[in-house]
Amino acid sequence: MKRATLWMAAVATVMMVSPTAWAAVVCCAPCVQVAKPELECVERVVHVPQWVLETRTVKCVEYRPEAREKTITVMKTVPVQREVERRYTVLVPQIETDTVTYTVAVPVWEEKEVEYTVLVPRKEVKEGVRKVCRTVPVTETRTVVKDQGHWEEQEVTVPVVRHAAFQARRMARRARRLGCCTPHVDPCQVCEVTQVRKVWAPDLVEEEVEVTVMRREVVEEPYEYAVLKHEPEVRTKTVKVCRTELEERTKEVRRKVMVPEERVKTLTLTSYEREPEEKTVTYTVLVPHEVEREVQVRVCRMVPKTVKQCQWVCP
């Protein structure tokens, strides 16, 4: 990352240097051949892991089924039936007729004059004073600072790191154009280049100027506004009023009455009794025994291996 940053700075610096200065930089280096690195290879023995299959004899337990018999006692359920008489009561419906006297409210309509009050709206104009915010221009004197400087040229010495691959081709093309020899650039060589750049020389001067600003002020002005008032007014109207009068009436009502009645019925009841019974059953058990078996097992072995390592060595 650092070498790439230095290479970009070198390219930017070379682009800003004039052709005359570039010729001086290129032709100042001697025409020397740089030694090339050599590739050396060495053989080494290393151990690498390798998985192999081996046959091993292991002992394991197997289970064989074996049939056996045993006598058990089970409880057998036997049904027993018997008849019993039960008395029960039922409700038998009967219809009866009764005479009922009831009172009815009969509506009677009549006309009646009533008085009611309504609010009649009336509009009234009043005068008042309100505050209004206005914007007024005001002239003020303020002190401002102006920069009356100028540009100046300065010479600056900048270090440049030249890249061994890209910079060598670029410098060779520049040297051929200027009539110099083709240089061989050392990757670690650092040159200094003198550049001319413009620098601003400030000159701050204070001046007093007049400016116009807008200020807000609050003034009072008269205005008219309308007010709505409601005045009560009594009026008369004729309405229909409903009143009720009580009146007695008679009617026959039929109703259902439930009369209790006893009855007898015969029921057959079934009960269950448990009796013991012996039974022979056959069951299977697993009998363990030890056997030997051959199995394949994966084993990791370290196997020697010859490898070749190469590296670049500078003479």
C-alpha atoms as a PDB file:
ATOM      1  CA  MET A   1       0.000   0.000   0.000  1.00  0.00           C
ATOM      2  CA  LYS A   2       2.851   2.386   0.881  1.00  0.00           C
ATOM      3  CA  ARG A   3       4.782   1.534  -2.329  1.00  0.00           C
ATOM      4  CA  ALA A   4       1.650   2.135  -4.473  1.00  0.00           C
ATOM      5  CA  THR A   5       1.106   5.543  -2.804  1.00  0.00           C
ATOM      6  CA  LEU A   6       4.740   6.564  -3.493  1.00  0.00           C
ATOM      7  CA  TRP A   7       4.396   5.416  -7.118  1.00  0.00           C
ATOM      8  CA  MET A   8       1.279   7.553  -7.649  1.00  0.00           C
ATOM      9  CA  ALA A   9       3.055  10.568  -6.103  1.00  0.00           C
ATOM     10  CA  ALA A  10       6.006   9.992  -8.477  1.00  0.00           C
ATOM     11  CA  VAL A  11       3.717   9.852 -11.529  1.00  0.00           C
ATOM     12  CA  ALA A  12       1.909  13.062 -10.481  1.00  0.00           C
ATOM     13  CA  THR A  13       5.236  14.817  -9.930  1.00  0.00           C
ATOM     14  CA  VAL A  14       6.628  13.702 -13.295  1.00  0.00           C
ATOM     15  CA  MET A  15       3.528  15.018 -15.104  1.00  0.00           C
ATOM     16  CA  MET A  16       4.009  18.488 -13.520  1.00  0.00           C
ATOM     17  CA  VAL A  17       7.775  18.787 -14.326  1.00  0.00           C
ATOM     18  CA  SER A  18       8.710  20.641 -17.532  1.00  0.00           C
ATOM     19  CA  PRO A  19      10.563  18.822 -20.401  1.00  0.00           C
ATOM     20  CA  THR A  20      13.838  20.676 -19.620  1.00  0.00           C
ATOM     21  CA  ALA A  21      13.778  19.660 -15.964  1.00  0.00           C
ATOM     22  CA  TRP A  22      12.845  16.079 -16.943  1.00  0.00           C
ATOM     23  CA  ALA A  23      15.866  15.850 -19.272  1.00  0.00           C
ATOM     24  CA  ALA A  24      18.091  16.939 -16.424  1.00  0.00           C
ATOM     25  CA  VAL A  25      16.648  14.241 -14.147  1.00  0.00           C
ATOM     26  CA  VAL A  26      16.958  11.465 -16.764  1.00  0.00           C
ATOM     27  CA  CYS A  27      20.435  12.307 -17.960  1.00  0.00           C
ATOM     28  CA  CYS A  28      21.844  12.752 -14.469  1.00  0.00           C
ATOM     29  CA  ALA A  29      21.692   8.956 -13.733  1.00  0.00           C
ATOM     30  CA  PRO A  30      24.619   6.777 -14.966  1.00  0.00           C
ATOM     31  CA  CYS A  31      24.006   3.983 -17.461  1.00  0.00           C
ATOM     32  CA  VAL A  32      24.631   0.990 -15.099  1.00  0.00           C
ATOM     33  CA  GLN A  33      23.293  -2.545 -15.484  1.00  0.00           C
ATOM     34  CA  VAL A  34      21.274  -3.783 -12.445  1.00  0.00           C
ATOM     35  CA  ALA A  35      21.947  -7.413 -11.400  1.00  0.00           C
ATOM     36  CA  LYS A  36      19.044  -9.834 -11.913  1.00  0.00           C
ATOM     37  CA  PRO A  37      17.885 -12.218  -9.116  1.00  0.00           C
ATOM     38  CA  GLU A  38      18.411 -15.998  -9.543  1.00  0.00           C
ATOM     39  CA  LEU A  39      15.929 -18.810  -8.757  1.00  0.00           C
ATOM     40  CA  GLU A  40      17.298 -21.504  -6.374  1.00  0.00           C
ATOM     41  CA  CYS A  41      15.421 -24.784  -5.682  1.00  0.00           C
ATOM     42  CA  VAL A  42      15.974 -27.132  -2.692  1.00  0.00           C
ATOM     43  CA  GLU A  43      14.451 -30.614  -2.118  1.00  0.00           C
ATOM     44  CA  ARG A  44      13.091 -31.375   1.370  1.00  0.00           C
ATOM     45  CA  VAL A  45      11.434 -34.391   2.968  1.00  0.00           C
ATOM     46  CA  VAL A  46       8.191 -33.710   4.814  1.00  0.00           C
ATOM     47  CA  HIS A  47       5.655 -36.039   6.469  1.00  0.00           C
ATOM     48  CA  VAL A  48       2.058 -35.817   5.282  1.00  0.00           C
ATOM     49  CA  PRO A  49      -0.982 -37.596   6.800  1.00  0.00           C
ATOM     50  CA  GLN A  50      -2.532 -40.479   4.838  1.00  0.00           C
ATOM     51  CA  TRP A  51      -5.647 -42.502   5.717  1.00  0.00           C
ATOM     52  CA  VAL A  52      -5.411 -46.315   5.269  1.00  0.00           C
ATOM     53  CA  LEU A  53      -7.820 -49.205   5.991  1.00  0.00           C
ATOM     54  CA  GLU A  54      -6.754 -51.942   8.455  1.00  0.00           C
ATOM     55  CA  THR A  55      -8.525 -55.173   9.402  1.00  0.00           C
ATOM     56  CA  ARG A  56      -8.932 -55.697  13.161  1.00  0.00           C
ATOM     57  CA  THR A  57     -10.623 -58.399  15.239  1.00  0.00           C
ATOM     58  CA  VAL A  58     -13.080 -57.074  17.855  1.00  0.00           C
ATOM     59  CA  LYS A  59     -15.342 -58.777  20.402  1.00  0.00           C
ATOM     60  CA  CYS A  60     -19.056 -57.939  20.389  1.00  0.00           C
ATOM     61  CA  VAL A  61     -22.215 -59.207  22.076  1.00  0.00           C
ATOM     62  CA  GLU A  62     -25.066 -60.704  20.049  1.00  0.00           C
ATOM     63  CA  TYR A  63     -28.577 -61.620  21.219  1.00  0.00           C
ATOM     64  CA  ARG A  64     -30.343 -64.866  20.184  1.00  0.00           C
ATOM     65  CA  PRO A  65     -34.116 -65.258  20.543  1.00  0.00           C
ATOM     66  CA  GLU A  66     -35.280 -68.146  22.825  1.00  0.00           C
ATOM     67  CA  ALA A  67     -38.920 -69.281  23.300  1.00  0.00           C
ATOM     68  CA  ARG A  68     -40.151 -70.001  26.876  1.00  0.00           C
ATOM     69  CA  GLU A  69     -43.488 -70.867  28.508  1.00  0.00           C
ATOM     70  CA  LYS A  70     -45.128 -69.801  31.775  1.00  0.00           C
ATOM     71  CA  THR A  71     -48.509 -70.144  33.514  1.00  0.00           C
ATOM     72  CA  ILE A  72     -50.347 -66.942  34.526  1.00  0.00           C
ATOM     73  CA  THR A  73     -53.670 -66.244  36.257  1.00  0.00           C
ATOM     74  CA  VAL A  74     -56.082 -63.904  34.468  1.00  0.00           C
ATOM     75  CA  MET A  75     -59.429 -62.503  35.647  1.00  0.00           C
ATOM     76  CA  LYS A  76     -62.344 -63.318  33.345  1.00  0.00           C
ATOM     77  CA  THR A  77     -65.419 -61.061  33.262  1.00  0.00           C
ATOM     78  CA  VAL A  78     -68.780 -62.981  33.248  1.00  0.00           C
ATOM     79  CA  PRO A  79     -72.127 -61.107  32.654  1.00  0.00           C
ATOM     80  CA  VAL A  80     -75.097 -61.825  35.040  1.00  0.00           C
ATOM     81  CA  GLN A  81     -78.655 -60.653  34.179  1.00  0.00           C
ATOM     82  CA  ARG A  82     -81.610 -60.036  36.550  1.00  0.00           C
ATOM     83  CA  GLU A  83     -85.089 -58.390  36.318  1.00  0.00           C
ATOM     84  CA  VAL A  84     -86.281 -55.636  38.726  1.00  0.00           C
ATOM     85  CA  GLU A  85     -89.443 -53.442  38.990  1.00  0.00           C
ATOM     86  CA  ARG A  86     -89.109 -49.674  39.184  1.00  0.00           C
ATOM     87  CA  ARG A  87     -91.783 -47.086  40.065  1.00  0.00           C
ATOM     88  CA  TYR A  88     -91.561 -43.670  38.448  1.00  0.00           C
ATOM     89  CA  THR A  89     -93.676 -40.504  38.229  1.00  0.00           C
ATOM     90  CA  VAL A  90     -94.569 -38.711  34.989  1.00  0.00           C
ATOM     91  CA  LEU A  91     -96.289 -35.356  34.431  1.00  0.00           C
ATOM     92  CA  VAL A  92     -99.439 -35.641  32.275  1.00  0.00           C
ATOM     93  CA  PRO A  93    -100.548 -32.346  30.616  1.00  0.00           C
ATOM     94  CA  GLN A  94    -104.193 -31.127  31.097  1.00  0.00           C
ATOM     95  CA  ILE A  95    -105.861 -27.963  29.652  1.00  0.00           C
ATOM     96  CA  GLU A  96    -107.918 -25.641  31.906  1.00  0.00           C
ATOM     97  CA  THR A  97    -109.954 -22.471  31.022  1.00  0.00           C
ATOM     98  CA  ASP A  98    -109.904 -19.337  33.283  1.00  0.00           C
ATOM     99  CA  THR A  99    -111.522 -15.873  33.030  1.00  0.00           C
ATOM    100  CA  VAL A 100    -108.992 -13.048  33.495  1.00  0.00           C
ATOM    101  CA  THR A 101    -109.693  -9.316  34.067  1.00  0.00           C
ATOM    102  CA  TYR A 102    -106.996  -6.878  32.811  1.00  0.00           C
ATOM    103  CA  THR A 103    -106.592  -3.088  32.495  1.00  0.00           C
ATOM    104  CA  VAL A 104    -105.820  -1.356  29.176  1.00  0.00           C
ATOM    105  CA  ALA A 105    -104.513   2.226  28.682  1.00  0.00           C
ATOM    106  CA  VAL A 106    -106.536   3.839  25.844  1.00  0.00           C
ATOM    107  CA  PRO A 107    -104.860   6.873  24.146  1.00  0.00           C
ATOM    108  CA  VAL A 108    -106.922  10.119  23.817  1.00  0.00           C
ATOM    109  CA  TRP A 109    -105.649  12.970  21.540  1.00  0.00           C
ATOM    110  CA  GLU A 110    -106.435  16.703  22.191  1.00  0.00           C
ATOM    111  CA  GLU A 111    -105.171  20.089  20.877  1.00  0.00           C
ATOM    112  CA  LYS A 112    -103.349  22.515  23.164  1.00  0.00           C
ATOM    113  CA  GLU A 113    -101.645  25.921  22.749  1.00  0.00           C
ATOM    114  CA  VAL A 114     -98.135  26.184  24.172  1.00  0.00           C
ATOM    115  CA  GLU A 115     -95.591  29.013  24.379  1.00  0.00           C
ATOM    116  CA  TYR A 116     -91.926  28.559  23.430  1.00  0.00           C
ATOM    117  CA  THR A 117     -88.872  30.824  23.303  1.00  0.00           C
ATOM    118  CA  VAL A 118     -86.549  31.126  20.306  1.00  0.00           C
ATOM    119  CA  LEU A 119     -83.226  33.004  19.926  1.00  0.00           C
ATOM    120  CA  VAL A 120     -83.360  35.461  17.001  1.00  0.00           C
ATOM    121  CA  PRO A 121     -79.850  36.337  15.618  1.00  0.00           C
ATOM    122  CA  ARG A 122     -78.985  40.027  15.011  1.00  0.00           C
ATOM    123  CA  LYS A 123     -75.757  41.424  13.499  1.00  0.00           C
ATOM    124  CA  GLU A 124     -73.983  44.368  15.191  1.00  0.00           C
ATOM    125  CA  VAL A 125     -70.896  46.290  13.893  1.00  0.00           C
ATOM    126  CA  LYS A 126     -68.224  47.372  16.466  1.00  0.00           C
ATOM    127  CA  GLU A 127     -64.943  49.310  16.245  1.00  0.00           C
ATOM    128  CA  GLY A 128     -61.646  48.145  17.756  1.00  0.00           C
ATOM    129  CA  VAL A 129     -57.865  48.614  17.677  1.00  0.00           C
ATOM    130  CA  ARG A 130     -55.417  45.889  16.644  1.00  0.00           C
ATOM    131  CA  LYS A 131     -51.629  45.609  16.438  1.00  0.00           C
ATOM    132  CA  VAL A 132     -50.005  45.109  12.989  1.00  0.00           C
ATOM    133  CA  CYS A 133     -46.360  44.086  12.326  1.00  0.00           C
ATOM    134  CA  ARG A 134     -44.711  45.961   9.382  1.00  0.00           C
ATOM    135  CA  THR A 135     -41.237  45.856   7.776  1.00  0.00           C
ATOM    136  CA  VAL A 136     -39.356  49.227   7.601  1.00  0.00           C
ATOM    137  CA  PRO A 137     -35.984  49.773   5.781  1.00  0.00           C
ATOM    138  CA  VAL A 138     -33.149  51.089   8.040  1.00  0.00           C
ATOM    139  CA  THR A 139     -29.637  52.224   6.914  1.00  0.00           C
ATOM    140  CA  GLU A 140     -26.708  51.028   9.085  1.00  0.00           C
ATOM    141  CA  THR A 141     -22.892  51.276   8.933  1.00  0.00           C
ATOM    142  CA  ARG A 142     -20.950  48.010   9.222  1.00  0.00           C
ATOM    143  CA  THR A 143     -17.254  47.077   9.167  1.00  0.00           C
ATOM    144  CA  VAL A 144     -16.264  44.429   6.586  1.00  0.00           C
ATOM    145  CA  VAL A 145     -12.898  42.753   5.887  1.00  0.00           C
ATOM    146  CA  LYS A 146     -11.685  42.436   2.262  1.00  0.00           C
ATOM    147  CA  ASP A 147      -8.799  40.291   1.004  1.00  0.00           C
ATOM    148  CA  GLN A 148      -6.661  42.370  -1.454  1.00  0.00           C
ATOM    149  CA  GLY A 149      -3.836  39.830  -1.791  1.00  0.00           C
ATOM    150  CA  HIS A 150      -2.010  38.525  -4.881  1.00  0.00           C
ATOM    151  CA  TRP A 151      -0.513  35.313  -6.298  1.00  0.00           C
ATOM    152  CA  GLU A 152       3.221  34.579  -5.839  1.00  0.00           C
ATOM    153  CA  GLU A 153       5.457  31.886  -7.425  1.00  0.00           C
ATOM    154  CA  GLN A 154       7.590  29.714  -5.100  1.00  0.00           C
ATOM    155  CA  GLU A 155      10.159  26.980  -5.833  1.00  0.00           C
ATOM    156  CA  VAL A 156       9.609  23.730  -3.873  1.00  0.00           C
ATOM    157  CA  THR A 157      11.908  20.618  -3.811  1.00  0.00           C
ATOM    158  CA  VAL A 158       9.861  17.361  -3.837  1.00  0.00           C
ATOM    159  CA  PRO A 159      11.353  13.843  -3.353  1.00  0.00           C
ATOM    160  CA  VAL A 160      10.307  11.344  -6.069  1.00  0.00           C
ATOM    161  CA  VAL A 161      10.502   7.507  -5.828  1.00  0.00           C
ATOM    162  CA  ARG A 162      10.705   5.910  -9.281  1.00  0.00           C
ATOM    163  CA  HIS A 163       9.117   2.507  -9.904  1.00  0.00           C
ATOM    164  CA  ALA A 164      11.420  -0.143 -11.444  1.00  0.00           C
ATOM    165  CA  ALA A 165       9.056  -1.331 -14.184  1.00  0.00           C
ATOM    166  CA  PHE A 166       6.739   1.501 -15.248  1.00  0.00           C
ATOM    167  CA  GLN A 167       9.097   4.401 -14.513  1.00  0.00           C
ATOM    168  CA  ALA A 168      12.014   2.808 -16.450  1.00  0.00           C
ATOM    169  CA  ARG A 169       9.953   2.599 -19.676  1.00  0.00           C
ATOM    170  CA  ARG A 170       8.634   6.150 -19.228  1.00  0.00           C
ATOM    171  CA  MET A 171      12.137   7.581 -18.568  1.00  0.00           C
ATOM    172  CA  ALA A 172      13.557   5.664 -21.567  1.00  0.00           C
ATOM    173  CA  ARG A 173      10.991   7.260 -23.916  1.00  0.00           C
ATOM    174  CA  ARG A 174      11.730  10.718 -22.475  1.00  0.00           C
ATOM    175  CA  ALA A 175      15.530  10.131 -22.796  1.00  0.00           C
ATOM    176  CA  ARG A 176      15.241   9.058 -26.450  1.00  0.00           C
ATOM    177  CA  ARG A 177      13.242  12.190 -27.252  1.00  0.00           C
ATOM    178  CA  LEU A 178      15.848  14.414 -25.551  1.00  0.00           C
ATOM    179  CA  GLY A 179      18.870  12.587 -27.076  1.00  0.00           C
ATOM    180  CA  CYS A 180      20.152  10.931 -23.859  1.00  0.00           C
ATOM    181  CA  CYS A 181      21.192   7.371 -23.106  1.00  0.00           C
ATOM    182  CA  THR A 182      18.648   4.815 -21.887  1.00  0.00           C
ATOM    183  CA  PRO A 183      19.031   4.667 -18.081  1.00  0.00           C
ATOM    184  CA  HIS A 184      18.638   1.646 -15.813  1.00  0.00           C
ATOM    185  CA  VAL A 185      16.610   2.680 -12.774  1.00  0.00           C
ATOM    186  CA  ASP A 186      17.285   1.306  -9.304  1.00  0.00           C
ATOM    187  CA  PRO A 187      13.913   0.503  -7.524  1.00  0.00           C
ATOM    188  CA  CYS A 188      15.214   2.027  -4.268  1.00  0.00           C
ATOM    189  CA  GLN A 189      16.660   5.234  -5.869  1.00  0.00           C
ATOM    190  CA  VAL A 190      15.113   8.549  -4.647  1.00  0.00           C
ATOM    191  CA  CYS A 191      15.539  11.807  -6.635  1.00  0.00           C
ATOM    192  CA  GLU A 192      14.585  15.372  -5.746  1.00  0.00           C
ATOM    193  CA  VAL A 193      12.706  17.533  -8.264  1.00  0.00           C
ATOM    194  CA  THR A 194      12.330  21.309  -8.069  1.00  0.00           C
ATOM    195  CA  GLN A 195       8.801  22.567  -8.859  1.00  0.00           C
ATOM    196  CA  VAL A 196       7.386  26.059  -9.290  1.00  0.00           C
ATOM    197  CA  ARG A 197       3.848  26.566  -7.951  1.00  0.00           C
ATOM    198  CA  LYS A 198       1.614  29.542  -7.263  1.00  0.00           C
ATOM    199  CA  VAL A 199       0.823  30.569  -3.641  1.00  0.00           C
ATOM    200  CA  TRP A 200      -1.779  33.156  -2.582  1.00  0.00           C
ATOM    201  CA  ALA A 201      -0.390  35.977  -0.374  1.00  0.00           C
ATOM    202  CA  PRO A 202      -3.347  37.402   1.649  1.00  0.00           C
ATOM    203  CA  ASP A 203      -3.714  41.157   2.481  1.00  0.00           C
ATOM    204  CA  LEU A 204      -6.713  41.828   4.786  1.00  0.00           C
ATOM    205  CA  VAL A 205      -8.137  45.425   4.755  1.00  0.00           C
ATOM    206  CA  GLU A 206     -11.032  46.675   6.934  1.00  0.00           C
ATOM    207  CA  GLU A 207     -13.614  49.043   5.390  1.00  0.00           C
ATOM    208  CA  GLU A 208     -16.841  50.677   6.633  1.00  0.00           C
ATOM    209  CA  VAL A 209     -19.827  50.355   4.305  1.00  0.00           C
ATOM    210  CA  GLU A 210     -23.476  51.401   4.545  1.00  0.00           C
ATOM    211  CA  VAL A 211     -26.085  48.649   4.269  1.00  0.00           C
ATOM    212  CA  THR A 212     -29.869  48.763   4.252  1.00  0.00           C
ATOM    213  CA  VAL A 213     -31.633  46.231   6.483  1.00  0.00           C
ATOM    214  CA  MET A 214     -35.325  45.566   7.047  1.00  0.00           C
ATOM    215  CA  ARG A 215     -36.540  45.987  10.637  1.00  0.00           C
ATOM    216  CA  ARG A 216     -39.910  44.935  12.049  1.00  0.00           C
ATOM    217  CA  GLU A 217     -42.085  47.334  14.076  1.00  0.00           C
ATOM    218  CA  VAL A 218     -45.535  46.912  15.647  1.00  0.00           C
ATOM    219  CA  VAL A 219     -48.153  49.704  15.123  1.00  0.00           C
ATOM    220  CA  GLU A 220     -51.789  50.050  16.199  1.00  0.00           C
ATOM    221  CA  GLU A 221     -54.585  50.677  13.667  1.00  0.00           C
ATOM    222  CA  PRO A 222     -58.407  50.926  14.049  1.00  0.00           C
ATOM    223  CA  TYR A 223     -60.714  48.376  12.335  1.00  0.00           C
ATOM    224  CA  GLU A 224     -64.407  47.341  12.294  1.00  0.00           C
ATOM    225  CA  TYR A 225     -65.702  43.846  13.074  1.00  0.00           C
ATOM    226  CA  ALA A 226     -69.166  42.245  13.131  1.00  0.00           C
ATOM    227  CA  VAL A 227     -70.665  40.614  16.236  1.00  0.00           C
ATOM    228  CA  LEU A 228     -73.610  38.197  16.073  1.00  0.00           C
ATOM    229  CA  LYS A 229     -76.033  38.452  19.041  1.00  0.00           C
ATOM    230  CA  HIS A 230     -79.059  36.294  19.887  1.00  0.00           C
ATOM    231  CA  GLU A 231     -82.146  37.893  21.506  1.00  0.00           C
ATOM    232  CA  PRO A 232     -84.927  35.740  23.064  1.00  0.00           C
ATOM    233  CA  GLU A 233     -88.450  35.952  21.517  1.00  0.00           C
ATOM    234  CA  VAL A 234     -91.642  34.290  22.873  1.00  0.00           C
ATOM    235  CA  ARG A 235     -93.917  32.585  20.316  1.00  0.00           C
ATOM    236  CA  THR A 236     -97.182  30.527  20.490  1.00  0.00           C
ATOM    237  CA  LYS A 237     -98.130  27.350  18.604  1.00  0.00           C
ATOM    238  CA  THR A 238    -100.879  24.656  18.673  1.00  0.00           C
ATOM    239  CA  VAL A 239     -99.754  21.077  19.292  1.00  0.00           C
ATOM    240  CA  LYS A 240    -101.528  17.732  19.696  1.00  0.00           C
ATOM    241  CA  VAL A 241    -101.123  16.136  23.131  1.00  0.00           C
ATOM    242  CA  CYS A 242    -101.777  12.453  23.818  1.00  0.00           C
ATOM    243  CA  ARG A 243    -103.134  11.370  27.213  1.00  0.00           C
ATOM    244  CA  THR A 244    -104.140   7.872  28.327  1.00  0.00           C
ATOM    245  CA  GLU A 245    -107.308   6.677  30.104  1.00  0.00           C
ATOM    246  CA  LEU A 246    -107.499   3.324  31.982  1.00  0.00           C
ATOM    247  CA  GLU A 247    -110.192   0.807  30.882  1.00  0.00           C
ATOM    248  CA  GLU A 248    -110.933  -2.648  32.386  1.00  0.00           C
ATOM    249  CA  ARG A 249    -111.564  -5.615  30.044  1.00  0.00           C
ATOM    250  CA  THR A 250    -112.278  -9.393  30.445  1.00  0.00           C
ATOM    251  CA  LYS A 251    -111.025 -12.377  28.426  1.00  0.00           C
ATOM    252  CA  GLU A 252    -110.854 -16.194  28.680  1.00  0.00           C
ATOM    253  CA  VAL A 253    -107.419 -17.740  28.892  1.00  0.00           C
ATOM    254  CA  ARG A 254    -106.597 -21.439  28.272  1.00  0.00           C
ATOM    255  CA  ARG A 255    -103.629 -22.789  30.157  1.00  0.00           C
ATOM    256  CA  LYS A 256    -101.841 -26.124  30.355  1.00  0.00           C
ATOM    257  CA  VAL A 257    -101.475 -27.792  33.777  1.00  0.00           C
ATOM    258  CA  MET A 258     -99.059 -30.713  34.466  1.00  0.00           C
ATOM    259  CA  VAL A 259    -100.647 -33.403  36.704  1.00  0.00           C
ATOM    260  CA  PRO A 260     -98.308 -36.023  38.300  1.00  0.00           C
ATOM    261  CA  GLU A 261     -99.079 -39.759  37.641  1.00  0.00           C
ATOM    262  CA  GLU A 262     -97.283 -42.862  39.053  1.00  0.00           C
ATOM    263  CA  ARG A 263     -96.330 -45.753  36.756  1.00  0.00           C
ATOM    264  CA  VAL A 264     -94.480 -49.137  37.092  1.00  0.00           C
ATOM    265  CA  LYS A 265     -92.019 -50.695  34.614  1.00  0.00           C
ATOM    266  CA  THR A 266     -89.814 -53.837  34.571  1.00  0.00           C
ATOM    267  CA  LEU A 267     -86.094 -53.437  33.840  1.00  0.00           C
ATOM    268  CA  THR A 268     -83.481 -56.054  32.949  1.00  0.00           C
ATOM    269  CA  LEU A 269     -80.185 -55.227  34.652  1.00  0.00           C
ATOM    270  CA  THR A 270     -76.845 -56.775  33.656  1.00  0.00           C
ATOM    271  CA  SER A 271     -73.981 -56.973  36.163  1.00  0.00           C
ATOM    272  CA  TYR A 272     -70.448 -58.274  35.567  1.00  0.00           C
ATOM    273  CA  GLU A 273     -68.526 -60.570  37.892  1.00  0.00           C
ATOM    274  CA  ARG A 274     -64.787 -61.415  37.690  1.00  0.00           C
ATOM    275  CA  GLU A 275     -63.608 -65.046  37.926  1.00  0.00           C
ATOM    276  CA  PRO A 276     -59.938 -66.243  38.051  1.00  0.00           C
ATOM    277  CA  GLU A 277     -58.639 -68.452  35.213  1.00  0.00           C
ATOM    278  CA  GLU A 278     -55.189 -70.044  34.630  1.00  0.00           C
ATOM    279  CA  LYS A 279     -53.600 -69.650  31.188  1.00  0.00           C
ATOM    280  CA  THR A 280     -50.309 -70.841  29.613  1.00  0.00           C
ATOM    281  CA  VAL A 281     -48.515 -68.260  27.460  1.00  0.00           C
ATOM    282  CA  THR A 282     -45.383 -68.444  25.301  1.00  0.00           C
ATOM    283  CA  TYR A 283     -42.909 -65.559  25.296  1.00  0.00           C
ATOM    284  CA  THR A 284     -39.530 -64.895  23.649  1.00  0.00           C
ATOM    285  CA  VAL A 285     -36.398 -63.631  25.416  1.00  0.00           C
ATOM    286  CA  LEU A 286     -33.031 -62.483  23.955  1.00  0.00           C
ATOM    287  CA  VAL A 287     -30.054 -64.439  25.350  1.00  0.00           C
ATOM    288  CA  PRO A 288     -26.690 -62.583  25.018  1.00  0.00           C
ATOM    289  CA  HIS A 289     -23.468 -64.371  23.867  1.00  0.00           C
ATOM    290  CA  GLU A 290     -19.977 -63.105  22.915  1.00  0.00           C
ATOM    291  CA  VAL A 291     -18.610 -63.428  19.305  1.00  0.00           C
ATOM    292  CA  GLU A 292     -15.483 -62.216  17.446  1.00  0.00           C
ATOM    293  CA  ARG A 293     -15.724 -60.254  14.182  1.00  0.00           C
ATOM    294  CA  GLU A 294     -13.308 -58.645  11.724  1.00  0.00           C
ATOM    295  CA  VAL A 295     -13.974 -54.957  10.937  1.00  0.00           C
ATOM    296  CA  GLN A 296     -12.328 -52.363   8.681  1.00  0.00           C
ATOM    297  CA  VAL A 297     -10.857 -49.393  10.589  1.00  0.00           C
ATOM    298  CA  ARG A 298      -9.514 -46.126   9.092  1.00  0.00           C
ATOM    299  CA  VAL A 299      -6.038 -45.255  10.498  1.00  0.00           C
ATOM    300  CA  CYS A 300      -4.067 -42.064   9.878  1.00  0.00           C
ATOM    301  CA  ARG A 301      -0.368 -42.686   9.043  1.00  0.00           C
ATOM    302  CA  MET A 302       2.404 -40.076   8.548  1.00  0.00           C
ATOM    303  CA  VAL A 303       4.083 -40.882   5.178  1.00  0.00           C
ATOM    304  CA  PRO A 304       7.381 -39.203   4.082  1.00  0.00           C
ATOM    305  CA  LYS A 305       7.151 -37.107   0.913  1.00  0.00           C
ATOM    306  CA  THR A 306       9.861 -35.214  -1.027  1.00  0.00           C
ATOM    307  CA  VAL A 307       8.859 -31.654  -2.019  1.00  0.00           C
ATOM    308  CA  LYS A 308      10.717 -29.014  -4.007  1.00  0.00           C
ATOM    309  CA  GLN A 309      10.928 -25.396  -2.677  1.00  0.00           C
ATOM    310  CA  CYS A 310      12.158 -22.546  -4.906  1.00  0.00           C
ATOM    311  CA  GLN A 311      12.944 -18.916  -4.000  1.00  0.00           C
ATOM    312  CA  TRP A 312      14.519 -15.858  -5.653  1.00  0.00           C
ATOM    313  CA  VAL A 313      18.028 -14.963  -4.417  1.00  0.00           C
ATOM    314  CA  CYS A 314      19.883 -11.729  -5.313  1.00  0.00           C
ATOM    315  CA  PRO A 315      23.647 -12.297  -6.148  1.00  0.00           C
END
